[in-house]
């Protein structure tokens, strides 16, 4: 049973930056898919970034602004979010294989 804990969310003004972290309770694999979803009120859950054995992928809505990375020594995945917009406001959840974290809230004010 892998436990994932997200952190780094908060309130930021439009144009600002945040870095989200997703810490795993066990060693993370280089070949198991890992990534980030977000859930905004009244909207479907959106896959925004992922790392697979084939590389990284981003949703069009965040491409060029967000960057996903992993630190295998810390068993942690990150999501660097730049040029934030009010429409980025959502609960951000990380996943590793079929495991999910509880999420961290990001609120972007205009």
Foldseek 3Di string as FASTA:
>chain_A
DKAWAKDWADEEAAQAKIKMKIAIPDQADQAWKKAKWWDDPPDDIGGAWIQHNVGIDGDPVQPPFWDWDDDRVRNMIMIIGGRDDQVVFTWMWMDTRHDIYPTDTHGYHD
